[in-house]
Amino acid sequence: MFRLWGKVWKDNHMIQDTVFEEESDDTRTHKIFRGLDEICHDFDLERPIWLDKTVSEFRRHSKTRFYQDSFIEEIPFDYLEIQVIEEG
């Protein structure tokens, strides 16, 4: 089971969250991208751009934050955070 937790934060408060779950034998990268797509769909957001700092942070901690600079449109929150909470 692969689980990716998506959270929207504003003023140090989590205002929305969801968990993407998948049991396929696909690669971790594909699961992450599908999970991010599903999380963005659930939150009615465009898909953020992976910047060098978000890629680096995700590789180190299996967790990253997407701030305004990762989105083309204006976002009404401080950041979107994704975190792998289960791999197996």
PDB file of N, CA and C in Angstrom:
ATOM      1  N   MET A   1       0.846  -1.184   0.000  1.00  0.00           N
ATOM      2  CA  MET A   1       0.000   0.000   0.000  1.00  0.00           C
ATOM      3  C   MET A   1       0.889   1.244   0.000  1.00  0.00           C
ATOM      4  N   PHE A   2       0.579   2.158  -0.871  1.00  0.00           N
ATOM      5  CA  PHE A   2       1.262   3.456  -0.940  1.00  0.00           C
ATOM      6  C   PHE A   2       0.253   4.515  -0.533  1.00  0.00           C
ATOM      7  N   ARG A   3       0.649   5.390   0.383  1.00  0.00           N
ATOM      8  CA  ARG A   3      -0.246   6.460   0.836  1.00  0.00           C
ATOM      9  C   ARG A   3       0.500   7.795   0.827  1.00  0.00           C
ATOM     10  N   LEU A   4      -0.138   8.801   0.223  1.00  0.00           N
ATOM     11  CA  LEU A   4       0.412  10.147   0.134  1.00  0.00           C
ATOM     12  C   LEU A   4      -0.586  11.100   0.772  1.00  0.00           C
ATOM     13  N   TRP A   5      -0.124  11.855   1.757  1.00  0.00           N
ATOM     14  CA  TRP A   5      -0.977  12.772   2.516  1.00  0.00           C
ATOM     15  C   TRP A   5      -0.792  14.176   1.970  1.00  0.00           C
ATOM     16  N   GLY A   6      -1.867  14.811   1.562  1.00  0.00           N
ATOM     17  CA  GLY A   6      -1.832  16.184   1.079  1.00  0.00           C
ATOM     18  C   GLY A   6      -2.517  17.102   2.079  1.00  0.00           C
ATOM     19  N   LYS A   7      -1.861  18.227   2.383  1.00  0.00           N
ATOM     20  CA  LYS A   7      -2.395  19.165   3.380  1.00  0.00           C
ATOM     21  C   LYS A   7      -2.266  20.593   2.863  1.00  0.00           C
ATOM     22  N   VAL A   8      -3.284  21.392   3.116  1.00  0.00           N
ATOM     23  CA  VAL A   8      -3.255  22.809   2.776  1.00  0.00           C
ATOM     24  C   VAL A   8      -3.136  23.588   4.083  1.00  0.00           C
ATOM     25  N   TRP A   9      -2.160  24.498   4.144  1.00  0.00           N
ATOM     26  CA  TRP A   9      -1.886  25.271   5.357  1.00  0.00           C
ATOM     27  C   TRP A   9      -2.092  26.766   5.116  1.00  0.00           C
ATOM     28  N   LYS A  10      -2.671  27.422   6.106  1.00  0.00           N
ATOM     29  CA  LYS A  10      -2.814  28.882   6.099  1.00  0.00           C
ATOM     30  C   LYS A  10      -2.679  29.378   7.533  1.00  0.00           C
ATOM     31  N   ASP A  11      -1.817  30.362   7.734  1.00  0.00           N
ATOM     32  CA  ASP A  11      -1.576  30.944   9.055  1.00  0.00           C
ATOM     33  C   ASP A  11      -1.278  29.874  10.103  1.00  0.00           C
ATOM     34  N   ASN A  12      -0.411  28.927   9.757  1.00  0.00           N
ATOM     35  CA  ASN A  12       0.017  27.836  10.646  1.00  0.00           C
ATOM     36  C   ASN A  12      -1.103  26.907  11.085  1.00  0.00           C
ATOM     37  N   HIS A  13      -2.181  26.848  10.325  1.00  0.00           N
ATOM     38  CA  HIS A  13      -3.279  25.930  10.598  1.00  0.00           C
ATOM     39  C   HIS A  13      -3.550  25.085   9.352  1.00  0.00           C
ATOM     40  N   MET A  14      -3.719  23.792   9.564  1.00  0.00           N
ATOM     41  CA  MET A  14      -4.097  22.925   8.459  1.00  0.00           C
ATOM     42  C   MET A  14      -5.579  23.152   8.206  1.00  0.00           C
ATOM     43  N   ILE A  15      -5.925  23.599   7.010  1.00  0.00           N
ATOM     44  CA  ILE A  15      -7.324  23.919   6.723  1.00  0.00           C
ATOM     45  C   ILE A  15      -8.009  22.852   5.867  1.00  0.00           C
ATOM     46  N   GLN A  16      -7.210  21.943   5.298  1.00  0.00           N
ATOM     47  CA  GLN A  16      -7.772  20.907   4.446  1.00  0.00           C
ATOM     48  C   GLN A  16      -6.743  19.786   4.311  1.00  0.00           C
ATOM     49  N   ASP A  17      -7.211  18.543   4.286  1.00  0.00           N
ATOM     50  CA  ASP A  17      -6.284  17.450   4.035  1.00  0.00           C
ATOM     51  C   ASP A  17      -7.010  16.288   3.374  1.00  0.00           C
ATOM     52  N   THR A  18      -6.225  15.439   2.728  1.00  0.00           N
ATOM     53  CA  THR A  18      -6.750  14.241   2.081  1.00  0.00           C
ATOM     54  C   THR A  18      -5.609  13.239   1.959  1.00  0.00           C
ATOM     55  N   VAL A  19      -5.954  11.980   1.808  1.00  0.00           N
ATOM     56  CA  VAL A  19      -4.950  10.934   1.641  1.00  0.00           C
ATOM     57  C   VAL A  19      -5.225  10.186   0.342  1.00  0.00           C
ATOM     58  N   PHE A  20      -4.189  10.061  -0.486  1.00  0.00           N
ATOM     59  CA  PHE A  20      -4.244   9.277  -1.711  1.00  0.00           C
ATOM     60  C   PHE A  20      -3.690   7.894  -1.387  1.00  0.00           C
ATOM     61  N   GLU A  21      -4.416   6.847  -1.785  1.00  0.00           N
ATOM     62  CA  GLU A  21      -3.975   5.475  -1.550  1.00  0.00           C
ATOM     63  C   GLU A  21      -3.938   4.705  -2.864  1.00  0.00           C
ATOM     64  N   GLU A  22      -2.925   3.859  -3.001  1.00  0.00           N
ATOM     65  CA  GLU A  22      -2.802   3.046  -4.207  1.00  0.00           C
ATOM     66  C   GLU A  22      -2.067   1.758  -3.880  1.00  0.00           C
ATOM     67  N   GLU A  23      -2.497   0.678  -4.520  1.00  0.00           N
ATOM     68  CA  GLU A  23      -1.871  -0.623  -4.284  1.00  0.00           C
ATOM     69  C   GLU A  23      -1.238  -1.213  -5.534  1.00  0.00           C
ATOM     70  N   SER A  24      -0.973  -0.398  -6.547  1.00  0.00           N
ATOM     71  CA  SER A  24      -0.411  -0.918  -7.798  1.00  0.00           C
ATOM     72  C   SER A  24       1.073  -1.264  -7.629  1.00  0.00           C
ATOM     73  N   ASP A  25       1.617  -1.953  -8.624  1.00  0.00           N
ATOM     74  CA  ASP A  25       3.035  -2.300  -8.642  1.00  0.00           C
ATOM     75  C   ASP A  25       3.838  -1.284  -9.449  1.00  0.00           C
ATOM     76  N   ASP A  26       3.253  -0.138  -9.708  1.00  0.00           N
ATOM     77  CA  ASP A  26       3.913   0.910 -10.485  1.00  0.00           C
ATOM     78  C   ASP A  26       5.097   1.480  -9.702  1.00  0.00           C
ATOM     79  N   THR A  27       5.898   2.298 -10.349  1.00  0.00           N
ATOM     80  CA  THR A  27       7.056   2.889  -9.688  1.00  0.00           C
ATOM     81  C   THR A  27       6.629   3.929  -8.656  1.00  0.00           C
ATOM     82  N   ARG A  28       7.502   4.195  -7.713  1.00  0.00           N
ATOM     83  CA  ARG A  28       7.228   5.193  -6.672  1.00  0.00           C
ATOM     84  C   ARG A  28       6.973   6.563  -7.303  1.00  0.00           C
ATOM     85  N   THR A  29       7.770   6.914  -8.295  1.00  0.00           N
ATOM     86  CA  THR A  29       7.621   8.208  -8.961  1.00  0.00           C
ATOM     87  C   THR A  29       6.241   8.350  -9.589  1.00  0.00           C
ATOM     88  N   HIS A  30       5.790   7.320 -10.297  1.00  0.00           N
ATOM     89  CA  HIS A  30       4.463   7.379 -10.906  1.00  0.00           C
ATOM     90  C   HIS A  30       3.370   7.498  -9.854  1.00  0.00           C
ATOM     91  N   LYS A  31       3.524   6.795  -8.745  1.00  0.00           N
ATOM     92  CA  LYS A  31       2.535   6.879  -7.664  1.00  0.00           C
ATOM     93  C   LYS A  31       2.497   8.287  -7.069  1.00  0.00           C
ATOM     94  N   ILE A  32       3.653   8.894  -6.910  1.00  0.00           N
ATOM     95  CA  ILE A  32       3.724  10.252  -6.355  1.00  0.00           C
ATOM     96  C   ILE A  32       3.027  11.239  -7.287  1.00  0.00           C
ATOM     97  N   PHE A  33       3.318  11.157  -8.581  1.00  0.00           N
ATOM     98  CA  PHE A  33       2.690  12.077  -9.532  1.00  0.00           C
ATOM     99  C   PHE A  33       1.184  11.862  -9.620  1.00  0.00           C
ATOM    100  N   ARG A  34       0.744  10.607  -9.640  1.00  0.00           N
ATOM    101  CA  ARG A  34      -0.698  10.328  -9.641  1.00  0.00           C
ATOM    102  C   ARG A  34      -1.347  10.827  -8.354  1.00  0.00           C
ATOM    103  N   GLY A  35      -0.653  10.615  -7.234  1.00  0.00           N
ATOM    104  CA  GLY A  35      -1.168  11.081  -5.948  1.00  0.00           C
ATOM    105  C   GLY A  35      -1.290  12.589  -5.898  1.00  0.00           C
ATOM    106  N   LEU A  36      -0.277  13.294  -6.392  1.00  0.00           N
ATOM    107  CA  LEU A  36      -0.334  14.754  -6.414  1.00  0.00           C
ATOM    108  C   LEU A  36      -1.462  15.237  -7.320  1.00  0.00           C
ATOM    109  N   ASP A  37      -1.639  14.583  -8.464  1.00  0.00           N
ATOM    110  CA  ASP A  37      -2.749  14.938  -9.358  1.00  0.00           C
ATOM    111  C   ASP A  37      -4.099  14.764  -8.650  1.00  0.00           C
ATOM    112  N   GLU A  38      -4.260  13.646  -7.950  1.00  0.00           N
ATOM    113  CA  GLU A  38      -5.517  13.368  -7.246  1.00  0.00           C
ATOM    114  C   GLU A  38      -5.749  14.356  -6.101  1.00  0.00           C
ATOM    115  N   ILE A  39      -4.696  14.661  -5.368  1.00  0.00           N
ATOM    116  CA  ILE A  39      -4.794  15.626  -4.265  1.00  0.00           C
ATOM    117  C   ILE A  39      -5.197  16.995  -4.808  1.00  0.00           C
ATOM    118  N   CYS A  40      -4.560  17.430  -5.881  1.00  0.00           N
ATOM    119  CA  CYS A  40      -4.898  18.720  -6.489  1.00  0.00           C
ATOM    120  C   CYS A  40      -6.336  18.720  -7.009  1.00  0.00           C
ATOM    121  N   HIS A  41      -6.771  17.611  -7.574  1.00  0.00           N
ATOM    122  CA  HIS A  41      -8.154  17.503  -8.035  1.00  0.00           C
ATOM    123  C   HIS A  41      -9.117  17.635  -6.849  1.00  0.00           C
ATOM    124  N   ASP A  42      -8.823  16.941  -5.749  1.00  0.00           N
ATOM    125  CA  ASP A  42      -9.670  17.011  -4.549  1.00  0.00           C
ATOM    126  C   ASP A  42      -9.759  18.431  -3.994  1.00  0.00           C
ATOM    127  N   PHE A  43      -8.645  19.169  -4.061  1.00  0.00           N
ATOM    128  CA  PHE A  43      -8.601  20.537  -3.530  1.00  0.00           C
ATOM    129  C   PHE A  43      -8.957  21.587  -4.574  1.00  0.00           C
ATOM    130  N   ASP A  44      -9.286  21.160  -5.794  1.00  0.00           N
ATOM    131  CA  ASP A  44      -9.597  22.058  -6.903  1.00  0.00           C
ATOM    132  C   ASP A  44      -8.448  23.032  -7.165  1.00  0.00           C
ATOM    133  N   LEU A  45      -7.248  22.472  -7.283  1.00  0.00           N
ATOM    134  CA  LEU A  45      -6.038  23.256  -7.543  1.00  0.00           C
ATOM    135  C   LEU A  45      -5.413  22.809  -8.856  1.00  0.00           C
ATOM    136  N   GLU A  46      -4.682  23.717  -9.463  1.00  0.00           N
ATOM    137  CA  GLU A  46      -3.855  23.324 -10.590  1.00  0.00           C
ATOM    138  C   GLU A  46      -2.666  22.532 -10.041  1.00  0.00           C
ATOM    139  N   ARG A  47      -2.036  21.747 -10.888  1.00  0.00           N
ATOM    140  CA  ARG A  47      -0.859  20.996 -10.467  1.00  0.00           C
ATOM    141  C   ARG A  47       0.316  21.953 -10.274  1.00  0.00           C
ATOM    142  N   PRO A  48       1.013  21.889  -9.136  1.00  0.00           N
ATOM    143  CA  PRO A  48       2.157  22.785  -8.924  1.00  0.00           C
ATOM    144  C   PRO A  48       3.372  22.353  -9.732  1.00  0.00           C
ATOM    145  N   ILE A  49       4.288  23.271  -9.888  1.00  0.00           N
ATOM    146  CA  ILE A  49       5.537  23.017 -10.600  1.00  0.00           C
ATOM    147  C   ILE A  49       6.566  22.518  -9.586  1.00  0.00           C
ATOM    148  N   TRP A  50       7.275  21.447  -9.949  1.00  0.00           N
ATOM    149  CA  TRP A  50       8.334  20.929  -9.079  1.00  0.00           C
ATOM    150  C   TRP A  50       9.588  21.775  -9.318  1.00  0.00           C
ATOM    151  N   LEU A  51       9.940  22.588  -8.365  1.00  0.00           N
ATOM    152  CA  LEU A  51      11.167  23.377  -8.434  1.00  0.00           C
ATOM    153  C   LEU A  51      12.321  22.548  -7.869  1.00  0.00           C
ATOM    154  N   ASP A  52      13.548  22.978  -8.119  1.00  0.00           N
ATOM    155  CA  ASP A  52      14.710  22.235  -7.623  1.00  0.00           C
ATOM    156  C   ASP A  52      14.643  22.027  -6.110  1.00  0.00           C
ATOM    157  N   LYS A  53      14.215  23.068  -5.387  1.00  0.00           N
ATOM    158  CA  LYS A  53      14.173  22.953  -3.920  1.00  0.00           C
ATOM    159  C   LYS A  53      13.102  21.965  -3.465  1.00  0.00           C
ATOM    160  N   THR A  54      11.965  21.878  -4.167  1.00  0.00           N
ATOM    161  CA  THR A  54      10.929  20.922  -3.771  1.00  0.00           C
ATOM    162  C   THR A  54      11.369  19.494  -4.077  1.00  0.00           C
ATOM    163  N   VAL A  55      12.031  19.293  -5.213  1.00  0.00           N
ATOM    164  CA  VAL A  55      12.540  17.971  -5.563  1.00  0.00           C
ATOM    165  C   VAL A  55      13.583  17.520  -4.533  1.00  0.00           C
ATOM    166  N   SER A  56      14.512  18.403  -4.212  1.00  0.00           N
ATOM    167  CA  SER A  56      15.572  18.082  -3.256  1.00  0.00           C
ATOM    168  C   SER A  56      14.998  17.750  -1.878  1.00  0.00           C
ATOM    169  N   GLU A  57      14.060  18.563  -1.419  1.00  0.00           N
ATOM    170  CA  GLU A  57      13.436  18.339  -0.110  1.00  0.00           C
ATOM    171  C   GLU A  57      12.671  17.016  -0.093  1.00  0.00           C
ATOM    172  N   PHE A  58      11.952  16.719  -1.182  1.00  0.00           N
ATOM    173  CA  PHE A  58      11.179  15.484  -1.242  1.00  0.00           C
ATOM    174  C   PHE A  58      12.095  14.259  -1.254  1.00  0.00           C
ATOM    175  N   ARG A  59      13.205  14.337  -1.955  1.00  0.00           N
ATOM    176  CA  ARG A  59      14.151  13.215  -1.989  1.00  0.00           C
ATOM    177  C   ARG A  59      14.733  12.932  -0.599  1.00  0.00           C
ATOM    178  N   ARG A  60      15.004  13.982   0.147  1.00  0.00           N
ATOM    179  CA  ARG A  60      15.606  13.825   1.480  1.00  0.00           C
ATOM    180  C   ARG A  60      14.618  13.351   2.529  1.00  0.00           C
ATOM    181  N   HIS A  61      13.385  13.873   2.496  1.00  0.00           N
ATOM    182  CA  HIS A  61      12.453  13.652   3.607  1.00  0.00           C
ATOM    183  C   HIS A  61      11.140  12.966   3.230  1.00  0.00           C
ATOM    184  N   SER A  62      10.945  12.665   1.953  1.00  0.00           N
ATOM    185  CA  SER A  62       9.653  12.137   1.450  1.00  0.00           C
ATOM    186  C   SER A  62       8.514  13.079   1.813  1.00  0.00           C
ATOM    187  N   LYS A  63       8.831  14.357   1.833  1.00  0.00           N
ATOM    188  CA  LYS A  63       7.863  15.398   2.201  1.00  0.00           C
ATOM    189  C   LYS A  63       8.344  16.707   1.586  1.00  0.00           C
ATOM    190  N   THR A  64       7.403  17.511   1.074  1.00  0.00           N
ATOM    191  CA  THR A  64       7.784  18.813   0.538  1.00  0.00           C
ATOM    192  C   THR A  64       6.604  19.764   0.592  1.00  0.00           C
ATOM    193  N   ARG A  65       6.905  21.033   0.421  1.00  0.00           N
ATOM    194  CA  ARG A  65       5.886  22.079   0.426  1.00  0.00           C
ATOM    195  C   ARG A  65       5.943  22.854  -0.885  1.00  0.00           C
ATOM    196  N   PHE A  66       4.761  23.112  -1.424  1.00  0.00           N
ATOM    197  CA  PHE A  66       4.633  23.919  -2.633  1.00  0.00           C
ATOM    198  C   PHE A  66       4.071  25.278  -2.241  1.00  0.00           C
ATOM    199  N   TYR A  67       4.883  26.315  -2.371  1.00  0.00           N
ATOM    200  CA  TYR A  67       4.475  27.685  -2.052  1.00  0.00           C
ATOM    201  C   TYR A  67       3.959  28.378  -3.314  1.00  0.00           C
ATOM    202  N   GLN A  68       3.618  29.633  -3.196  1.00  0.00           N
ATOM    203  CA  GLN A  68       3.076  30.396  -4.316  1.00  0.00           C
ATOM    204  C   GLN A  68       3.971  30.319  -5.549  1.00  0.00           C
ATOM    205  N   ASP A  69       5.288  30.268  -5.365  1.00  0.00           N
ATOM    206  CA  ASP A  69       6.190  30.242  -6.523  1.00  0.00           C
ATOM    207  C   ASP A  69       6.090  28.948  -7.345  1.00  0.00           C
ATOM    208  N   SER A  70       5.400  27.937  -6.820  1.00  0.00           N
ATOM    209  CA  SER A  70       5.194  26.698  -7.565  1.00  0.00           C
ATOM    210  C   SER A  70       3.869  26.681  -8.328  1.00  0.00           C
ATOM    211  N   PHE A  71       3.067  27.715  -8.151  1.00  0.00           N
ATOM    212  CA  PHE A  71       1.765  27.791  -8.800  1.00  0.00           C
ATOM    213  C   PHE A  71       1.720  28.982  -9.749  1.00  0.00           C
ATOM    214  N   ILE A  72       1.036  28.825 -10.861  1.00  0.00           N
ATOM    215  CA  ILE A  72       0.878  29.933 -11.803  1.00  0.00           C
ATOM    216  C   ILE A  72      -0.222  30.869 -11.317  1.00  0.00           C
ATOM    217  N   GLU A  73      -1.338  30.278 -10.869  1.00  0.00           N
ATOM    218  CA  GLU A  73      -2.452  31.075 -10.362  1.00  0.00           C
ATOM    219  C   GLU A  73      -2.207  31.468  -8.904  1.00  0.00           C
ATOM    220  N   GLU A  74      -2.883  32.494  -8.472  1.00  0.00           N
ATOM    221  CA  GLU A  74      -2.814  32.924  -7.067  1.00  0.00           C
ATOM    222  C   GLU A  74      -3.476  31.862  -6.192  1.00  0.00           C
ATOM    223  N   ILE A  75      -2.838  31.514  -5.079  1.00  0.00           N
ATOM    224  CA  ILE A  75      -3.413  30.532  -4.163  1.00  0.00           C
ATOM    225  C   ILE A  75      -3.914  31.234  -2.893  1.00  0.00           C
ATOM    226  N   PRO A  76      -5.050  30.794  -2.348  1.00  0.00           N
ATOM    227  CA  PRO A  76      -5.631  31.446  -1.170  1.00  0.00           C
ATOM    228  C   PRO A  76      -5.147  30.839   0.152  1.00  0.00           C
ATOM    229  N   PHE A  77      -3.958  30.266   0.145  1.00  0.00           N
ATOM    230  CA  PHE A  77      -3.394  29.648   1.348  1.00  0.00           C
ATOM    231  C   PHE A  77      -1.885  29.857   1.303  1.00  0.00           C
ATOM    232  N   ASP A  78      -1.186  29.434   2.358  1.00  0.00           N
ATOM    233  CA  ASP A  78       0.260  29.647   2.417  1.00  0.00           C
ATOM    234  C   ASP A  78       1.050  28.610   1.621  1.00  0.00           C
ATOM    235  N   TYR A  79       0.684  27.330   1.764  1.00  0.00           N
ATOM    236  CA  TYR A  79       1.371  26.293   1.003  1.00  0.00           C
ATOM    237  C   TYR A  79       0.591  24.984   1.004  1.00  0.00           C
ATOM    238  N   LEU A  80       0.903  24.149   0.013  1.00  0.00           N
ATOM    239  CA  LEU A  80       0.397  22.792  -0.094  1.00  0.00           C
ATOM    240  C   LEU A  80       1.551  21.876   0.290  1.00  0.00           C
ATOM    241  N   GLU A  81       1.306  20.978   1.207  1.00  0.00           N
ATOM    242  CA  GLU A  81       2.337  20.049   1.652  1.00  0.00           C
ATOM    243  C   GLU A  81       1.924  18.627   1.289  1.00  0.00           C
ATOM    244  N   ILE A  82       2.875  17.858   0.741  1.00  0.00           N
ATOM    245  CA  ILE A  82       2.615  16.443   0.495  1.00  0.00           C
ATOM    246  C   ILE A  82       3.659  15.641   1.260  1.00  0.00           C
ATOM    247  N   GLN A  83       3.242  14.460   1.729  1.00  0.00           N
ATOM    248  CA  GLN A  83       4.116  13.614   2.528  1.00  0.00           C
ATOM    249  C   GLN A  83       3.760  12.145   2.301  1.00  0.00           C
ATOM    250  N   VAL A  84       4.773  11.341   2.011  1.00  0.00           N
ATOM    251  CA  VAL A  84       4.549   9.905   1.913  1.00  0.00           C
ATOM    252  C   VAL A  84       4.412   9.370   3.331  1.00  0.00           C
ATOM    253  N   ILE A  85       3.268   8.730   3.618  1.00  0.00           N
ATOM    254  CA  ILE A  85       3.061   8.213   4.979  1.00  0.00           C
ATOM    255  C   ILE A  85       3.091   6.688   5.042  1.00  0.00           C
ATOM    256  N   GLU A  86       3.101   6.048   3.868  1.00  0.00           N
ATOM    257  CA  GLU A  86       3.224   4.586   3.856  1.00  0.00           C
ATOM    258  C   GLU A  86       3.714   4.117   2.507  1.00  0.00           C
ATOM    259  N   GLU A  87       4.692   3.233   2.528  1.00  0.00           N
ATOM    260  CA  GLU A  87       5.175   2.595   1.303  1.00  0.00           C
ATOM    261  C   GLU A  87       5.291   1.109   1.587  1.00  0.00           C
ATOM    262  N   GLY A  88       4.834   0.334   0.642  1.00  0.00           N
ATOM    263  CA  GLY A  88       4.963  -1.092   0.905  1.00  0.00           C
ATOM    264  C   GLY A  88       4.427  -1.944  -0.196  1.00  0.00           C
TER     265      GLY A  88
END
